[in-house]
C-alpha cells in the first residue's frame, strides 16, 4: 500500500502539471469564466483542490496553515496558484515518504469544515480519499477545458506510468 501511495503522489504531481500547462494557454477571462462546473471556473476548481489539499495535509501532518474555509481564494491568478500547487505537491510527496505500514493502519481523528463532530477512520482511507478527490476535480478541469474548445488532456494513470512514471511499474 505504501508503494501505491508513493506512486499516486507522483501521479498527482504529474497530472497537476498537465492541467496547469493547459490552463496557461487560456486567457485570464477564460480561466475565470464560469463553465458550470461544481466550482464554476477553472480558477475556482484549481483553487478548491489546493484548499482541500492544504486542509488534508494539515490534518495528516499537523503542519502548514489550513485555510479557514472551503471558499477561501488562495490566489486569484494562475501563476500564483501554480507556484502554490507545485509547493503543495512537493509537500505531499515528501510527507508520503515518511509513512510506514503502522502509520497507515493507525486511525486519524479530525473535524470536518462542513459539519461538527469528530470523524475517525484509518489514515490510509483518508489518503486514498485525498488522491481520489484530486482525480475527481481534475476531470472537471478537463470538462472546462473542452467546453472552451481546447484539446482533451490525457490524464490516465496508465499513460503516466508508460511515460514519466516507469519507475512505478
Protein backbone atom coordinates (compact mmCIF):
# COMPACT_ATOMS: atom_id res chain seq x y z
CA UNK A 1 0.00 0.00 0.00
CA UNK A 2 2.85 2.40 0.78
CA UNK A 3 4.37 2.00 -2.68
CA UNK A 4 0.92 2.60 -4.17
CA UNK A 5 0.55 5.89 -2.29
CA UNK A 6 4.03 6.97 -3.37
CA UNK A 7 3.03 6.29 -6.96
CA UNK A 8 -0.22 8.23 -6.52
CA UNK A 9 1.65 11.20 -5.05
CA UNK A 10 3.94 11.24 -8.08
CA UNK A 11 0.99 10.77 -10.47
CA UNK A 12 -0.87 13.57 -8.70
CA UNK A 13 2.07 15.93 -9.28
CA UNK A 14 2.33 14.91 -12.93
CA UNK A 15 -1.41 15.26 -13.62
CA UNK A 16 -1.48 18.67 -11.98
CA UNK A 17 1.34 19.79 -14.29
CA UNK A 18 -0.74 18.68 -17.29
CA UNK A 19 -3.76 20.68 -16.13
CA UNK A 20 -1.75 23.78 -15.23
CA UNK A 21 0.09 23.66 -18.56
CA UNK A 22 -3.27 23.58 -20.36
CA UNK A 23 -4.59 26.40 -18.17
CA UNK A 24 -1.56 28.50 -19.11
CA UNK A 25 -2.83 28.54 -22.71
CA UNK A 26 -6.08 30.27 -21.66
CA UNK A 27 -6.78 33.96 -21.47
CA UNK A 28 -7.43 35.35 -17.99
CA UNK A 29 -11.11 35.71 -18.93
CA UNK A 30 -11.33 32.05 -19.98
CA UNK A 31 -9.51 30.96 -16.81
CA UNK A 32 -12.10 32.76 -14.66
CA UNK A 33 -15.20 32.07 -16.81
CA UNK A 34 -17.96 30.09 -15.10
CA UNK A 35 -18.38 26.93 -17.20
CA UNK A 36 -20.93 25.20 -14.98
CA UNK A 37 -18.52 23.00 -13.04
CA UNK A 38 -19.13 22.49 -9.33
CA UNK A 39 -16.73 25.36 -8.56
CA UNK A 40 -17.66 27.29 -11.69
CA UNK A 41 -14.44 28.16 -13.44
CA UNK A 42 -11.09 26.52 -13.94
CA UNK A 43 -9.72 29.01 -11.42
CA UNK A 44 -12.40 28.02 -8.89
CA UNK A 45 -11.74 24.32 -9.37
CA UNK A 46 -7.94 24.57 -9.14
CA UNK A 47 -8.27 26.83 -6.09
CA UNK A 48 -10.63 24.31 -4.44
CA UNK A 49 -8.15 21.48 -4.99
CA UNK A 50 -5.38 23.48 -3.39
CA UNK A 51 -7.58 24.49 -0.44
CA UNK A 52 -8.62 20.91 0.25
CA UNK A 53 -5.11 19.50 -0.14
CA UNK A 54 -3.90 22.05 2.40
CA UNK A 55 -6.69 21.02 4.76
CA UNK A 56 -5.88 17.32 4.38
CA UNK A 57 -2.15 17.85 4.76
CA UNK A 58 -2.71 19.85 7.93
CA UNK A 59 -4.87 17.03 9.27
CA UNK A 60 -2.27 14.45 8.30
CA UNK A 61 0.89 16.21 9.41
CA UNK A 62 -0.23 18.94 11.81
CA UNK A 63 1.85 21.40 9.79
CA UNK A 64 1.06 24.21 7.41
CA UNK A 65 -1.65 26.83 7.51
CA UNK A 66 -5.05 25.29 6.88
CA UNK A 67 -7.47 27.58 5.02
CA UNK A 68 -10.18 28.97 7.29
CA UNK A 69 -12.99 27.89 4.93
CA UNK A 70 -13.51 25.90 1.74
CA UNK A 71 -14.33 29.06 -0.20
CA UNK A 72 -11.07 30.88 0.53
CA UNK A 73 -9.38 32.17 -2.62
CA UNK A 74 -5.69 31.40 -2.17
CA UNK A 75 -4.54 33.23 -5.27
CA UNK A 76 -6.54 34.93 -7.99
CA UNK A 77 -4.14 34.36 -10.88
CA UNK A 78 -2.79 31.21 -12.47
CA UNK A 79 0.89 31.96 -11.82
CA UNK A 80 0.30 32.37 -8.08
CA UNK A 81 -1.87 29.25 -7.87
CA UNK A 82 0.67 27.25 -9.85
CA UNK A 83 3.51 28.21 -7.52
CA UNK A 84 1.42 27.20 -4.51
CA UNK A 85 0.31 23.96 -6.25
CA UNK A 86 3.88 22.93 -7.02
CA UNK A 87 4.89 23.53 -3.39
CA UNK A 88 1.89 21.54 -2.12
CA UNK A 89 2.61 18.65 -4.48
CA UNK A 90 6.21 18.56 -3.23
CA UNK A 91 4.89 18.63 0.35
CA UNK A 92 2.57 15.69 -0.36
CA UNK A 93 5.36 13.65 -1.97
CA UNK A 94 7.74 14.39 0.92
CA UNK A 95 5.10 13.52 3.52
CA UNK A 96 4.18 10.22 1.86
CA UNK A 97 7.88 9.31 2.04
CA UNK A 98 7.64 9.47 5.87
CA UNK A 99 4.88 6.87 6.10
CA UNK A 100 5.14 3.22 7.06
CA UNK A 101 2.64 0.38 7.46
CA UNK A 102 1.93 1.14 11.13
CA UNK A 103 1.22 4.81 10.43
CA UNK A 104 -1.08 3.90 7.53
CA UNK A 105 -3.05 1.47 9.72
CA UNK A 106 -3.49 3.96 12.56
CA UNK A 107 -6.67 5.98 12.94
CA UNK A 108 -6.88 9.66 12.15
CA UNK A 109 -9.29 11.92 14.02
CA UNK A 110 -10.33 15.27 12.60
CA UNK A 111 -13.26 17.65 12.37
CA UNK A 112 -14.85 18.41 9.03
CA UNK A 113 -15.07 22.00 7.84
CA UNK A 114 -18.66 21.24 6.80
CA UNK A 115 -20.08 19.63 9.92
CA UNK A 116 -19.23 19.46 13.61
CA UNK A 117 -18.09 16.35 15.41
CA UNK A 118 -15.06 14.15 15.33
CA UNK A 119 -14.52 11.84 12.37
CA UNK A 120 -12.35 8.77 12.95
CA UNK A 121 -11.13 6.23 10.42
CA UNK A 122 -7.85 4.63 9.31
CA UNK A 123 -5.34 7.08 7.85
CA UNK A 124 -4.95 5.04 4.66
CA UNK A 125 -8.62 5.68 3.80
CA UNK A 126 -8.20 9.44 4.17
CA UNK A 127 -5.10 9.40 1.97
CA UNK A 128 -6.95 7.40 -0.68
CA UNK A 129 -9.77 9.94 -0.50
CA UNK A 130 -7.37 12.86 -0.98
CA UNK A 131 -5.95 11.37 -4.17
CA UNK A 132 -9.39 10.33 -5.44
CA UNK A 133 -10.70 13.86 -4.75
CA UNK A 134 -7.91 15.28 -6.89
CA UNK A 135 -8.78 12.93 -9.76
CA UNK A 136 -12.49 13.76 -9.49
CA UNK A 137 -11.95 17.51 -9.79
CA UNK A 138 -9.23 17.20 -12.45
CA UNK A 139 -11.95 15.53 -14.51
CA UNK A 140 -13.99 18.70 -14.07
CA UNK A 141 -10.95 20.74 -15.17
CA UNK A 142 -10.83 18.58 -18.30
CA UNK A 143 -14.52 19.30 -18.92
CA UNK A 144 -13.97 23.04 -18.52
CA UNK A 145 -11.08 23.00 -20.98
CA UNK A 146 -13.01 21.02 -23.59
CA UNK A 147 -16.08 23.29 -23.30
CA UNK A 148 -13.70 26.16 -24.05
CA UNK A 149 -12.75 24.34 -27.27
CA UNK A 150 -9.31 23.28 -26.02
CA UNK A 151 -7.75 19.88 -26.75
CA UNK A 152 -8.54 16.96 -24.47
CA UNK A 153 -5.97 16.16 -21.81
CA UNK A 154 -4.51 12.70 -21.37
CA UNK A 155 -4.58 12.25 -17.61
CA UNK A 156 -4.83 8.46 -17.39
CA UNK A 157 -2.75 6.81 -14.72
CA UNK A 158 -1.53 4.22 -17.23
CA UNK A 159 -0.37 6.99 -19.57
CA UNK A 160 1.65 8.45 -16.68
CA UNK A 161 3.09 5.01 -15.90
CA UNK A 162 4.12 4.45 -19.53
CA UNK A 163 5.78 7.88 -19.71
CA UNK A 164 7.23 9.65 -16.67
CA UNK A 165 6.13 7.03 -14.14
CA UNK A 166 8.04 3.99 -15.41
CA UNK A 167 9.77 3.57 -12.04
CA UNK A 168 6.41 2.52 -10.55
CA UNK A 169 5.88 -0.37 -12.97
